[in-house]
Amino acid sequence: MAARQIRYSIVIPVLNEEAVLPVLLRRINLLLDSFDGPAEVIFVDDGSTDCSPIVLQALAKDDPRYRYIGLSRNFGHQIAITAGMDVAQGEAVIVMDADLQDPPEVVAEMVAKWKGGNDVVYARRVSRDGESRFKRATARLFYDLLGRMSHVPIPANVGDFRLIDRKVIDALRQMPEQDRFVRGMIAWLGFTQTEVTFRRPKRVAGETKYPLWNMIRLAMHAALGFSDAPLRLAIWCGIAVSGFALVYGAYVVVLWLGDNSHLVAGWASTIVIVSFLCGVNMLMTGILGLYVGRIHAEVKRRPLYVVAKKLGFEREAEKSAHPNVRAVGE
C-alpha cells in the first residue's frame, strides 16, 4: 500500500493495556471496516512492562493495516501521541486513547464533519462516567483556570481525542518544543475547528494512566506553555508585598515619632514578617525557575523520543528521518 493511498491514520498510545486490548482491537476492526478508504492503525508503546508489546508486535506482523512503534522508555502520553503523528501517513489523523474511554464509534461523526470542510474535529465530553467527584471538580477547575490564563482559546472538557487534517499535522510537526501540551498546540495553530460531543464511559479494564500527579504535571505544562500569567502573578505579588512593607514601615515610624511606649520589644512580629517575605520570595523564584527550566530543556535540543522498534512500516517510511526522533543504533 503506497503512503499516498492511505486516507485515515489512527494513532493510539499504549501503556500497560493488556487487559483492554482484546475489546479494543475488535472495535477498531469494526471502525476500519466502516471507512471509505484505506486506513492504518499506529500503536505507540510508551514503555509498557506487561504483555501489550507482544500482542501489538504480532498484530503488526500479521495484519498490514497495523503498525507498531516501541519507544525505548516511558516518555509520557503527549510525547507518545507526537511519535504516532510524526509517522502517520493519512489525509486525516485520528488520535485516541487505548482505554476505550474515547469510543471508536464517535469517529464516524468526526469524519463526517471533516468531510464538511473542518480541519480539526475534537470530541467534547458532556459527561465523565466512573470518575470521582474530586476528579470531575479538579477537571472543571483546570479548564476554567486555563481558559482565563491562556491567550489562546482552548476548548473546555476536551482531551486529545480528535481528528486532524493532514495540513494541520504538517504544521504541528514544525513545533518541536520539549514540554508538549498537544491540544493547546493544535488550538494555537488555528485552522477551522469544530466539535462533536460524547458521553465518556468508564474504563473497560485496567487502571488509569493519569493519576493526580500526572494531571498536575499536565496542568503545569499547559499553564507555563500557553500563558505568562504566572510571571504576571509574580510581579503583582511583589508589588503587593512591597506596598504592605511600605505601609507597615510608615506605621512604625509614626509610632516611633509619637508615643513609642506601644512599641513592644519582641521578636514575634519580626519573625512573622520575615517568614512571610521569605515565603513570597521563594514562590516568585520558583515560578521564574520553572520558566528557566523550560528554556534549558529547549536549548539542549535533545530528540523528543527514542524509538527502540518499529514494525509494519514500508521501507521508504523507515528511511525517512524526522528531527524529533532518533532511532537506537544511529
C-alpha atoms as a PDB file:
ATOM      1  CA  MET A   1       0.000   0.000   0.000  1.00  0.00           C
ATOM      2  CA  ALA A   2       1.612   3.275  -1.057  1.00  0.00           C
ATOM      3  CA  ALA A   3       1.788   6.007   1.519  1.00  0.00           C
ATOM      4  CA  ARG A   4      -0.205   8.433  -0.620  1.00  0.00           C
ATOM      5  CA  GLN A   5      -3.137   5.997  -0.775  1.00  0.00           C
ATOM      6  CA  ILE A   6      -3.763   5.960   2.977  1.00  0.00           C
ATOM      7  CA  ARG A   7      -6.781   8.088   3.770  1.00  0.00           C
ATOM      8  CA  TYR A   8      -7.073   7.573   7.533  1.00  0.00           C
ATOM      9  CA  SER A   9      -4.476   7.092  10.259  1.00  0.00           C
ATOM     10  CA  ILE A  10      -5.421   6.158  13.824  1.00  0.00           C
ATOM     11  CA  VAL A  11      -2.799   6.930  16.479  1.00  0.00           C
ATOM     12  CA  ILE A  12      -3.191   5.083  19.783  1.00  0.00           C
ATOM     13  CA  PRO A  13      -0.660   5.468  22.621  1.00  0.00           C
ATOM     14  CA  VAL A  14      -0.417   2.367  24.811  1.00  0.00           C
ATOM     15  CA  LEU A  15       0.975   1.878  28.314  1.00  0.00           C
ATOM     16  CA  ASN A  16       0.265  -1.458  30.025  1.00  0.00           C
ATOM     17  CA  GLU A  17      -3.151  -2.012  28.452  1.00  0.00           C
ATOM     18  CA  GLU A  18      -3.108  -5.809  28.032  1.00  0.00           C
ATOM     19  CA  ALA A  19      -6.453  -6.140  29.842  1.00  0.00           C
ATOM     20  CA  VAL A  20      -8.306  -3.911  27.391  1.00  0.00           C
ATOM     21  CA  LEU A  21      -6.581  -4.861  24.106  1.00  0.00           C
ATOM     22  CA  PRO A  22      -8.956  -7.711  23.065  1.00  0.00           C
ATOM     23  CA  VAL A  23     -12.017  -5.442  23.255  1.00  0.00           C
ATOM     24  CA  LEU A  24     -10.160  -2.501  21.733  1.00  0.00           C
ATOM     25  CA  LEU A  25      -8.978  -4.492  18.709  1.00  0.00           C
ATOM     26  CA  ARG A  26     -12.468  -5.814  17.981  1.00  0.00           C
ATOM     27  CA  ARG A  27     -13.916  -2.312  17.965  1.00  0.00           C
ATOM     28  CA  ILE A  28     -11.007  -0.903  15.953  1.00  0.00           C
ATOM     29  CA  ASN A  29     -11.525  -3.596  13.308  1.00  0.00           C
ATOM     30  CA  LEU A  30     -15.178  -2.587  13.016  1.00  0.00           C
ATOM     31  CA  LEU A  31     -14.100   1.036  12.650  1.00  0.00           C
ATOM     32  CA  LEU A  32     -11.615   0.172   9.898  1.00  0.00           C
ATOM     33  CA  ASP A  33     -14.306  -1.745   8.006  1.00  0.00           C
ATOM     34  CA  SER A  34     -16.554   1.343   8.096  1.00  0.00           C
ATOM     35  CA  PHE A  35     -14.038   3.695   6.457  1.00  0.00           C
ATOM     36  CA  ASP A  36     -14.446   4.719   2.818  1.00  0.00           C
ATOM     37  CA  GLY A  37     -10.733   4.382   2.092  1.00  0.00           C
ATOM     38  CA  PRO A  38      -7.520   2.649   3.143  1.00  0.00           C
ATOM     39  CA  ALA A  39      -6.511   3.149   6.763  1.00  0.00           C
ATOM     40  CA  GLU A  40      -3.659   2.394   9.139  1.00  0.00           C
ATOM     41  CA  VAL A  41      -3.555   1.990  12.907  1.00  0.00           C
ATOM     42  CA  ILE A  42      -0.374   3.086  14.680  1.00  0.00           C
ATOM     43  CA  PHE A  43       0.124   1.759  18.185  1.00  0.00           C
ATOM     44  CA  VAL A  44       2.782   3.658  20.139  1.00  0.00           C
ATOM     45  CA  ASP A  45       4.077   1.574  23.031  1.00  0.00           C
ATOM     46  CA  ASP A  46       5.216   4.078  25.652  1.00  0.00           C
ATOM     47  CA  GLY A  47       7.385   1.731  27.685  1.00  0.00           C
ATOM     48  CA  SER A  48       4.861  -0.978  28.586  1.00  0.00           C
ATOM     49  CA  THR A  49       6.015  -3.673  31.008  1.00  0.00           C
ATOM     50  CA  ASP A  50       3.121  -6.117  30.521  1.00  0.00           C
ATOM     51  CA  CYS A  51       2.209  -8.258  27.501  1.00  0.00           C
ATOM     52  CA  SER A  52       0.944  -5.334  25.395  1.00  0.00           C
ATOM     53  CA  PRO A  53       4.098  -5.163  23.204  1.00  0.00           C
ATOM     54  CA  ILE A  54       3.934  -8.897  22.417  1.00  0.00           C
ATOM     55  CA  VAL A  55       0.307  -8.664  21.283  1.00  0.00           C
ATOM     56  CA  LEU A  56       0.807  -5.499  19.235  1.00  0.00           C
ATOM     57  CA  GLN A  57       4.016  -6.669  17.576  1.00  0.00           C
ATOM     58  CA  ALA A  58       2.369  -9.909  16.471  1.00  0.00           C
ATOM     59  CA  LEU A  59      -0.567  -7.929  15.107  1.00  0.00           C
ATOM     60  CA  ALA A  60       1.718  -5.594  13.145  1.00  0.00           C
ATOM     61  CA  LYS A  61       3.473  -8.589  11.570  1.00  0.00           C
ATOM     62  CA  ASP A  62       0.226 -10.344  10.585  1.00  0.00           C
ATOM     63  CA  ASP A  63      -2.068  -7.501   9.518  1.00  0.00           C
ATOM     64  CA  PRO A  64      -0.782  -4.876   7.032  1.00  0.00           C
ATOM     65  CA  ARG A  65      -3.184  -2.267   8.414  1.00  0.00           C
ATOM     66  CA  TYR A  66      -1.420  -2.178  11.774  1.00  0.00           C
ATOM     67  CA  ARG A  67       1.890  -0.573  12.699  1.00  0.00           C
ATOM     68  CA  TYR A  68       3.877  -0.717  15.922  1.00  0.00           C
ATOM     69  CA  ILE A  69       6.284   1.810  17.429  1.00  0.00           C
ATOM     70  CA  GLY A  70       8.085   0.796  20.609  1.00  0.00           C
ATOM     71  CA  LEU A  71       9.694   3.694  22.459  1.00  0.00           C
ATOM     72  CA  SER A  72      12.890   2.954  24.386  1.00  0.00           C
ATOM     73  CA  ARG A  73      11.275   4.015  27.682  1.00  0.00           C
ATOM     74  CA  ASN A  74       8.249   5.814  29.042  1.00  0.00           C
ATOM     75  CA  PHE A  75       8.375   9.314  27.564  1.00  0.00           C
ATOM     76  CA  GLY A  76       4.839  10.328  28.531  1.00  0.00           C
ATOM     77  CA  HIS A  77       1.429  10.461  26.897  1.00  0.00           C
ATOM     78  CA  GLN A  78       1.936  13.702  24.961  1.00  0.00           C
ATOM     79  CA  ILE A  79       5.256  12.524  23.517  1.00  0.00           C
ATOM     80  CA  ALA A  80       3.743   9.169  22.538  1.00  0.00           C
ATOM     81  CA  ILE A  81       0.989  10.984  20.650  1.00  0.00           C
ATOM     82  CA  THR A  82       3.632  13.062  18.888  1.00  0.00           C
ATOM     83  CA  ALA A  83       5.586   9.943  17.893  1.00  0.00           C
ATOM     84  CA  GLY A  84       2.497   8.484  16.250  1.00  0.00           C
ATOM     85  CA  MET A  85       1.579  11.687  14.412  1.00  0.00           C
ATOM     86  CA  ASP A  86       5.147  12.031  13.118  1.00  0.00           C
ATOM     87  CA  VAL A  87       4.840   8.818  11.095  1.00  0.00           C
ATOM     88  CA  ALA A  88       1.108   8.922  10.275  1.00  0.00           C
ATOM     89  CA  GLN A  89       0.552   8.960   6.512  1.00  0.00           C
ATOM     90  CA  GLY A  90      -3.194   9.531   6.278  1.00  0.00           C
ATOM     91  CA  GLU A  91      -5.071  12.534   4.966  1.00  0.00           C
ATOM     92  CA  ALA A  92      -6.955  12.505   8.283  1.00  0.00           C
ATOM     93  CA  VAL A  93      -5.257  11.506  11.540  1.00  0.00           C
ATOM     94  CA  ILE A  94      -7.408  10.342  14.460  1.00  0.00           C
ATOM     95  CA  VAL A  95      -5.832  10.408  17.937  1.00  0.00           C
ATOM     96  CA  MET A  96      -7.473   8.326  20.642  1.00  0.00           C
ATOM     97  CA  ASP A  97      -6.576   6.532  23.868  1.00  0.00           C
ATOM     98  CA  ALA A  98      -6.440   2.770  24.229  1.00  0.00           C
ATOM     99  CA  ASP A  99      -8.665   2.552  27.310  1.00  0.00           C
ATOM    100  CA  LEU A 100     -11.905   2.876  25.265  1.00  0.00           C
ATOM    101  CA  GLN A 101     -12.908   5.990  27.170  1.00  0.00           C
ATOM    102  CA  ASP A 102     -12.536   7.517  23.710  1.00  0.00           C
ATOM    103  CA  PRO A 103     -15.192   5.393  21.934  1.00  0.00           C
ATOM    104  CA  PRO A 104     -14.159   4.440  18.373  1.00  0.00           C
ATOM    105  CA  GLU A 105     -17.784   4.759  17.300  1.00  0.00           C
ATOM    106  CA  VAL A 106     -17.557   8.559  17.673  1.00  0.00           C
ATOM    107  CA  VAL A 107     -15.007   8.686  14.836  1.00  0.00           C
ATOM    108  CA  ALA A 108     -17.723   8.325  12.179  1.00  0.00           C
ATOM    109  CA  GLU A 109     -19.232  11.663  13.251  1.00  0.00           C
ATOM    110  CA  MET A 110     -15.778  13.227  13.222  1.00  0.00           C
ATOM    111  CA  VAL A 111     -15.167  12.029   9.680  1.00  0.00           C
ATOM    112  CA  ALA A 112     -18.490  13.470   8.539  1.00  0.00           C
ATOM    113  CA  LYS A 113     -17.578  16.914   9.917  1.00  0.00           C
ATOM    114  CA  TRP A 114     -14.091  16.658   8.419  1.00  0.00           C
ATOM    115  CA  LYS A 115     -15.596  15.968   5.012  1.00  0.00           C
ATOM    116  CA  GLY A 116     -17.776  19.013   5.594  1.00  0.00           C
ATOM    117  CA  GLY A 117     -14.696  21.230   5.472  1.00  0.00           C
ATOM    118  CA  ASN A 118     -13.359  21.298   9.031  1.00  0.00           C
ATOM    119  CA  ASP A 119      -9.626  20.864   9.597  1.00  0.00           C
ATOM    120  CA  VAL A 120      -9.830  19.743  13.238  1.00  0.00           C
ATOM    121  CA  VAL A 121     -12.744  17.911  14.835  1.00  0.00           C
ATOM    122  CA  TYR A 122     -12.340  17.462  18.582  1.00  0.00           C
ATOM    123  CA  ALA A 123     -14.533  15.427  20.914  1.00  0.00           C
ATOM    124  CA  ARG A 124     -16.059  17.276  23.870  1.00  0.00           C
ATOM    125  CA  ARG A 125     -17.093  15.270  26.931  1.00  0.00           C
ATOM    126  CA  VAL A 126     -20.607  16.020  28.131  1.00  0.00           C
ATOM    127  CA  SER A 127     -20.292  13.527  30.990  1.00  0.00           C
ATOM    128  CA  ARG A 128     -17.487  11.626  32.711  1.00  0.00           C
ATOM    129  CA  ASP A 129     -18.815   8.271  33.933  1.00  0.00           C
ATOM    130  CA  GLY A 130     -16.894   6.331  36.545  1.00  0.00           C
ATOM    131  CA  GLU A 131     -14.915   9.308  37.831  1.00  0.00           C
ATOM    132  CA  SER A 132     -14.943  10.600  41.381  1.00  0.00           C
ATOM    133  CA  ARG A 133     -16.371  13.962  42.367  1.00  0.00           C
ATOM    134  CA  PHE A 134     -12.841  15.123  43.157  1.00  0.00           C
ATOM    135  CA  LYS A 135     -11.633  14.210  39.651  1.00  0.00           C
ATOM    136  CA  ARG A 136     -14.574  15.976  37.999  1.00  0.00           C
ATOM    137  CA  ALA A 137     -14.146  19.053  40.219  1.00  0.00           C
ATOM    138  CA  THR A 138     -10.418  19.341  39.549  1.00  0.00           C
ATOM    139  CA  ALA A 139     -11.011  18.889  35.813  1.00  0.00           C
ATOM    140  CA  ARG A 140     -13.531  21.755  35.833  1.00  0.00           C
ATOM    141  CA  LEU A 141     -11.092  23.895  37.816  1.00  0.00           C
ATOM    142  CA  PHE A 142      -8.274  23.095  35.393  1.00  0.00           C
ATOM    143  CA  TYR A 143     -10.221  24.081  32.287  1.00  0.00           C
ATOM    144  CA  ASP A 144     -11.636  27.186  33.969  1.00  0.00           C
ATOM    145  CA  LEU A 145      -8.235  28.454  35.083  1.00  0.00           C
ATOM    146  CA  LEU A 146      -6.615  27.554  31.766  1.00  0.00           C
ATOM    147  CA  GLY A 147      -9.329  29.422  29.883  1.00  0.00           C
ATOM    148  CA  ARG A 148      -8.755  32.517  31.999  1.00  0.00           C
ATOM    149  CA  MET A 149      -4.953  32.366  31.864  1.00  0.00           C
ATOM    150  CA  SER A 150      -4.266  31.405  28.272  1.00  0.00           C
ATOM    151  CA  HIS A 151      -4.215  33.897  25.414  1.00  0.00           C
ATOM    152  CA  VAL A 152      -5.211  31.001  23.137  1.00  0.00           C
ATOM    153  CA  PRO A 153      -8.820  29.771  23.401  1.00  0.00           C
ATOM    154  CA  ILE A 154      -8.525  26.111  24.427  1.00  0.00           C
ATOM    155  CA  PRO A 155     -11.855  24.207  24.437  1.00  0.00           C
ATOM    156  CA  ALA A 156     -13.044  23.024  27.839  1.00  0.00           C
ATOM    157  CA  ASN A 157     -13.715  19.345  28.603  1.00  0.00           C
ATOM    158  CA  VAL A 158     -11.748  18.308  25.550  1.00  0.00           C
ATOM    159  CA  GLY A 159      -8.862  15.847  25.677  1.00  0.00           C
ATOM    160  CA  ASP A 160      -6.647  14.608  22.869  1.00  0.00           C
ATOM    161  CA  PHE A 161      -9.424  12.599  21.173  1.00  0.00           C
ATOM    162  CA  ARG A 162      -9.777  14.323  17.794  1.00  0.00           C
ATOM    163  CA  LEU A 163      -9.459  14.121  14.034  1.00  0.00           C
ATOM    164  CA  ILE A 164      -6.737  16.274  12.471  1.00  0.00           C
ATOM    165  CA  ASP A 165      -6.340  17.137   8.800  1.00  0.00           C
ATOM    166  CA  ARG A 166      -3.030  16.488   7.040  1.00  0.00           C
ATOM    167  CA  LYS A 167      -2.151  20.171   6.671  1.00  0.00           C
ATOM    168  CA  VAL A 168      -2.607  20.692  10.414  1.00  0.00           C
ATOM    169  CA  ILE A 169      -0.376  17.686  11.133  1.00  0.00           C
ATOM    170  CA  ASP A 170       2.301  19.123   8.840  1.00  0.00           C
ATOM    171  CA  ALA A 171       2.102  22.463  10.662  1.00  0.00           C
ATOM    172  CA  LEU A 172       2.209  20.748  14.061  1.00  0.00           C
ATOM    173  CA  ARG A 173       5.404  18.932  13.112  1.00  0.00           C
ATOM    174  CA  GLN A 174       7.093  22.324  12.768  1.00  0.00           C
ATOM    175  CA  MET A 175       6.612  22.901  16.519  1.00  0.00           C
ATOM    176  CA  PRO A 176       9.447  20.972  18.215  1.00  0.00           C
ATOM    177  CA  GLU A 177       9.063  22.174  21.823  1.00  0.00           C
ATOM    178  CA  GLN A 178      10.012  19.664  24.506  1.00  0.00           C
ATOM    179  CA  ASP A 179       7.275  20.295  27.102  1.00  0.00           C
ATOM    180  CA  ARG A 180       4.264  19.485  24.994  1.00  0.00           C
ATOM    181  CA  PHE A 181       0.583  20.154  25.544  1.00  0.00           C
ATOM    182  CA  VAL A 182      -0.742  18.853  22.237  1.00  0.00           C
ATOM    183  CA  ARG A 183      -4.332  20.058  22.496  1.00  0.00           C
ATOM    184  CA  GLY A 184      -3.082  23.578  23.270  1.00  0.00           C
ATOM    185  CA  MET A 185      -0.625  23.463  20.366  1.00  0.00           C
ATOM    186  CA  ILE A 186      -3.407  22.495  17.972  1.00  0.00           C
ATOM    187  CA  ALA A 187      -5.606  25.292  19.307  1.00  0.00           C
ATOM    188  CA  TRP A 188      -2.725  27.744  18.784  1.00  0.00           C
ATOM    189  CA  LEU A 189      -2.418  26.725  15.132  1.00  0.00           C
ATOM    190  CA  GLY A 190      -5.913  27.895  14.330  1.00  0.00           C
ATOM    191  CA  PHE A 191      -7.474  26.485  11.139  1.00  0.00           C
ATOM    192  CA  THR A 192     -11.153  25.566  11.022  1.00  0.00           C
ATOM    193  CA  GLN A 193     -12.071  23.651  14.165  1.00  0.00           C
ATOM    194  CA  THR A 194     -15.358  22.217  15.364  1.00  0.00           C
ATOM    195  CA  GLU A 195     -16.593  19.678  17.900  1.00  0.00           C
ATOM    196  CA  VAL A 196     -18.604  16.547  18.382  1.00  0.00           C
ATOM    197  CA  THR A 197     -19.982  15.632  21.797  1.00  0.00           C
ATOM    198  CA  PHE A 198     -19.988  12.269  23.518  1.00  0.00           C
ATOM    199  CA  ARG A 199     -20.591  10.660  26.885  1.00  0.00           C
ATOM    200  CA  ARG A 200     -17.263   9.469  28.206  1.00  0.00           C
ATOM    201  CA  PRO A 201     -17.690   5.904  29.527  1.00  0.00           C
ATOM    202  CA  LYS A 202     -15.781   4.457  32.431  1.00  0.00           C
ATOM    203  CA  ARG A 203     -12.736   2.313  31.850  1.00  0.00           C
ATOM    204  CA  VAL A 204     -13.443  -1.138  30.420  1.00  0.00           C
ATOM    205  CA  ALA A 205     -10.455  -2.670  32.230  1.00  0.00           C
ATOM    206  CA  GLY A 206      -7.063  -1.783  33.638  1.00  0.00           C
ATOM    207  CA  GLU A 207      -6.001   1.273  35.606  1.00  0.00           C
ATOM    208  CA  THR A 208      -5.871   4.944  34.693  1.00  0.00           C
ATOM    209  CA  LYS A 209      -2.538   6.249  33.402  1.00  0.00           C
ATOM    210  CA  TYR A 210      -3.407   9.777  34.519  1.00  0.00           C
ATOM    211  CA  PRO A 211      -3.398   9.796  38.345  1.00  0.00           C
ATOM    212  CA  LEU A 212      -3.437  13.058  40.254  1.00  0.00           C
ATOM    213  CA  TRP A 213       0.297  13.739  39.949  1.00  0.00           C
ATOM    214  CA  ASN A 214       0.262  13.276  36.163  1.00  0.00           C
ATOM    215  CA  MET A 215      -2.735  15.595  35.912  1.00  0.00           C
ATOM    216  CA  ILE A 216      -0.856  18.220  37.907  1.00  0.00           C
ATOM    217  CA  ARG A 217       2.152  17.903  35.601  1.00  0.00           C
ATOM    218  CA  LEU A 218      -0.079  18.278  32.532  1.00  0.00           C
ATOM    219  CA  ALA A 219      -1.706  21.355  34.070  1.00  0.00           C
ATOM    220  CA  MET A 220       1.732  22.874  34.715  1.00  0.00           C
ATOM    221  CA  HIS A 221       2.805  22.256  31.108  1.00  0.00           C
ATOM    222  CA  ALA A 222      -0.404  23.891  29.902  1.00  0.00           C
ATOM    223  CA  ALA A 223      -0.103  26.911  32.189  1.00  0.00           C
ATOM    224  CA  LEU A 224       3.582  27.547  31.515  1.00  0.00           C
ATOM    225  CA  GLY A 225       3.412  26.802  27.804  1.00  0.00           C
ATOM    226  CA  PHE A 226       0.372  28.895  26.902  1.00  0.00           C
ATOM    227  CA  SER A 227       0.276  31.709  29.440  1.00  0.00           C
ATOM    228  CA  ASP A 228       2.523  34.288  31.039  1.00  0.00           C
ATOM    229  CA  ALA A 229       0.027  34.662  33.902  1.00  0.00           C
ATOM    230  CA  PRO A 230       2.389  33.087  36.482  1.00  0.00           C
ATOM    231  CA  LEU A 231       5.008  35.712  35.648  1.00  0.00           C
ATOM    232  CA  ARG A 232       2.443  38.481  35.907  1.00  0.00           C
ATOM    233  CA  LEU A 233       1.285  36.986  39.206  1.00  0.00           C
ATOM    234  CA  ALA A 234       4.860  37.175  40.467  1.00  0.00           C
ATOM    235  CA  ILE A 235       5.025  40.866  39.546  1.00  0.00           C
ATOM    236  CA  TRP A 236       1.750  41.731  41.261  1.00  0.00           C
ATOM    237  CA  CYS A 237       2.643  39.732  44.360  1.00  0.00           C
ATOM    238  CA  GLY A 238       5.945  41.583  44.520  1.00  0.00           C
ATOM    239  CA  ILE A 239       4.147  44.910  44.233  1.00  0.00           C
ATOM    240  CA  ALA A 240       1.622  43.916  46.909  1.00  0.00           C
ATOM    241  CA  VAL A 241       4.286  42.745  49.342  1.00  0.00           C
ATOM    242  CA  SER A 242       6.362  45.885  48.745  1.00  0.00           C
ATOM    243  CA  GLY A 243       3.294  48.036  49.343  1.00  0.00           C
ATOM    244  CA  PHE A 244       2.488  46.174  52.541  1.00  0.00           C
ATOM    245  CA  ALA A 245       6.068  46.597  53.783  1.00  0.00           C
ATOM    246  CA  LEU A 246       5.980  50.326  52.961  1.00  0.00           C
ATOM    247  CA  VAL A 247       2.712  50.851  54.852  1.00  0.00           C
ATOM    248  CA  TYR A 248       3.916  48.893  57.849  1.00  0.00           C
ATOM    249  CA  GLY A 249       7.217  50.812  57.877  1.00  0.00           C
ATOM    250  CA  ALA A 250       5.360  54.110  57.840  1.00  0.00           C
ATOM    251  CA  TYR A 251       3.203  52.882  60.734  1.00  0.00           C
ATOM    252  CA  VAL A 252       6.281  52.016  62.798  1.00  0.00           C
ATOM    253  CA  VAL A 253       7.867  55.410  62.063  1.00  0.00           C
ATOM    254  CA  VAL A 254       4.701  57.196  63.190  1.00  0.00           C
ATOM    255  CA  LEU A 255       4.684  55.228  66.460  1.00  0.00           C
ATOM    256  CA  TRP A 256       8.364  55.988  66.982  1.00  0.00           C
ATOM    257  CA  LEU A 257       7.841  59.734  66.448  1.00  0.00           C
ATOM    258  CA  GLY A 258       4.855  59.767  68.797  1.00  0.00           C
ATOM    259  CA  ASP A 259       4.212  57.711  71.876  1.00  0.00           C
ATOM    260  CA  ASN A 260       6.693  54.862  71.419  1.00  0.00           C
ATOM    261  CA  SER A 261       5.523  53.102  74.553  1.00  0.00           C
ATOM    262  CA  HIS A 262       3.326  50.976  72.301  1.00  0.00           C
ATOM    263  CA  LEU A 263       6.426  49.531  70.635  1.00  0.00           C
ATOM    264  CA  VAL A 264       6.856  46.161  72.328  1.00  0.00           C
ATOM    265  CA  ALA A 265      10.363  44.793  72.252  1.00  0.00           C
ATOM    266  CA  GLY A 266       9.888  41.324  70.883  1.00  0.00           C
ATOM    267  CA  TRP A 267      10.652  39.080  68.031  1.00  0.00           C
ATOM    268  CA  ALA A 268       7.222  37.655  67.122  1.00  0.00           C
ATOM    269  CA  SER A 269       6.204  40.343  64.640  1.00  0.00           C
ATOM    270  CA  THR A 270       9.668  40.365  63.098  1.00  0.00           C
ATOM    271  CA  ILE A 271       9.677  36.622  62.612  1.00  0.00           C
ATOM    272  CA  VAL A 272       6.194  36.695  61.055  1.00  0.00           C
ATOM    273  CA  ILE A 273       7.102  39.436  58.593  1.00  0.00           C
ATOM    274  CA  VAL A 274      10.467  37.930  57.663  1.00  0.00           C
ATOM    275  CA  SER A 275       8.913  34.491  57.187  1.00  0.00           C
ATOM    276  CA  PHE A 276       6.150  35.952  55.029  1.00  0.00           C
ATOM    277  CA  LEU A 277       8.594  37.850  52.838  1.00  0.00           C
ATOM    278  CA  CYS A 278      10.884  34.823  52.515  1.00  0.00           C
ATOM    279  CA  GLY A 279       7.937  32.639  51.525  1.00  0.00           C
ATOM    280  CA  VAL A 280       6.801  35.077  48.859  1.00  0.00           C
ATOM    281  CA  ASN A 281      10.370  35.370  47.573  1.00  0.00           C
ATOM    282  CA  MET A 282      10.691  31.584  47.310  1.00  0.00           C
ATOM    283  CA  LEU A 283       7.345  31.405  45.474  1.00  0.00           C
ATOM    284  CA  MET A 284       8.406  34.011  42.945  1.00  0.00           C
ATOM    285  CA  THR A 285      11.810  32.397  42.495  1.00  0.00           C
ATOM    286  CA  GLY A 286      10.145  29.036  41.934  1.00  0.00           C
ATOM    287  CA  ILE A 287       7.879  30.441  39.220  1.00  0.00           C
ATOM    288  CA  LEU A 288      10.839  32.015  37.446  1.00  0.00           C
ATOM    289  CA  GLY A 289      12.766  28.767  37.878  1.00  0.00           C
ATOM    290  CA  LEU A 290      10.057  26.814  36.062  1.00  0.00           C
ATOM    291  CA  TYR A 291      10.344  29.081  33.037  1.00  0.00           C
ATOM    292  CA  VAL A 292      14.148  28.949  33.113  1.00  0.00           C
ATOM    293  CA  GLY A 293      13.976  25.155  33.340  1.00  0.00           C
ATOM    294  CA  ARG A 294      11.800  25.016  30.234  1.00  0.00           C
ATOM    295  CA  ILE A 295      14.282  27.222  28.396  1.00  0.00           C
ATOM    296  CA  HIS A 296      17.102  24.899  29.495  1.00  0.00           C
ATOM    297  CA  ALA A 297      15.228  21.867  28.158  1.00  0.00           C
ATOM    298  CA  GLU A 298      14.687  23.606  24.798  1.00  0.00           C
ATOM    299  CA  VAL A 299      18.278  24.738  24.228  1.00  0.00           C
ATOM    300  CA  LYS A 300      19.641  21.217  24.772  1.00  0.00           C
ATOM    301  CA  ARG A 301      17.835  20.182  21.563  1.00  0.00           C
ATOM    302  CA  ARG A 302      17.511  16.546  22.535  1.00  0.00           C
ATOM    303  CA  PRO A 303      15.134  14.411  20.444  1.00  0.00           C
ATOM    304  CA  LEU A 304      11.629  14.207  21.815  1.00  0.00           C
ATOM    305  CA  TYR A 305      11.743  10.424  21.949  1.00  0.00           C
ATOM    306  CA  VAL A 306      13.868   7.420  21.021  1.00  0.00           C
ATOM    307  CA  VAL A 307      12.400   4.545  19.011  1.00  0.00           C
ATOM    308  CA  ALA A 308      13.560   1.072  20.002  1.00  0.00           C
ATOM    309  CA  LYS A 309      11.479  -0.914  17.500  1.00  0.00           C
ATOM    310  CA  LYS A 310       9.203  -0.328  14.515  1.00  0.00           C
ATOM    311  CA  LEU A 311       7.043  -2.872  12.738  1.00  0.00           C
ATOM    312  CA  GLY A 312       4.574  -2.661   9.870  1.00  0.00           C
ATOM    313  CA  PHE A 313       6.046   0.371   8.089  1.00  0.00           C
ATOM    314  CA  GLU A 314       7.203   0.407   4.469  1.00  0.00           C
ATOM    315  CA  ARG A 315      10.940   0.667   3.834  1.00  0.00           C
ATOM    316  CA  GLU A 316      10.519   4.137   2.381  1.00  0.00           C
ATOM    317  CA  ALA A 317       8.836   5.337   5.580  1.00  0.00           C
ATOM    318  CA  GLU A 318      11.556   3.807   7.735  1.00  0.00           C
ATOM    319  CA  LYS A 319      14.305   5.511   5.721  1.00  0.00           C
ATOM    320  CA  SER A 320      12.805   8.969   6.167  1.00  0.00           C
ATOM    321  CA  ALA A 321      14.304  10.951   9.018  1.00  0.00           C
ATOM    322  CA  HIS A 322      12.465  13.339  11.300  1.00  0.00           C
ATOM    323  CA  PRO A 323      14.123  15.909  13.601  1.00  0.00           C
ATOM    324  CA  ASN A 324      12.041  14.818  16.592  1.00  0.00           C
ATOM    325  CA  VAL A 325      13.175  11.194  16.559  1.00  0.00           C
ATOM    326  CA  ARG A 326      16.384   9.254  16.860  1.00  0.00           C
ATOM    327  CA  ALA A 327      16.445   5.516  16.348  1.00  0.00           C
ATOM    328  CA  VAL A 328      18.593   3.282  18.540  1.00  0.00           C
ATOM    329  CA  GLY A 329      21.878   2.457  16.865  1.00  0.00           C
ATOM    330  CA  GLU A 330      22.049   5.521  14.646  1.00  0.00           C
END
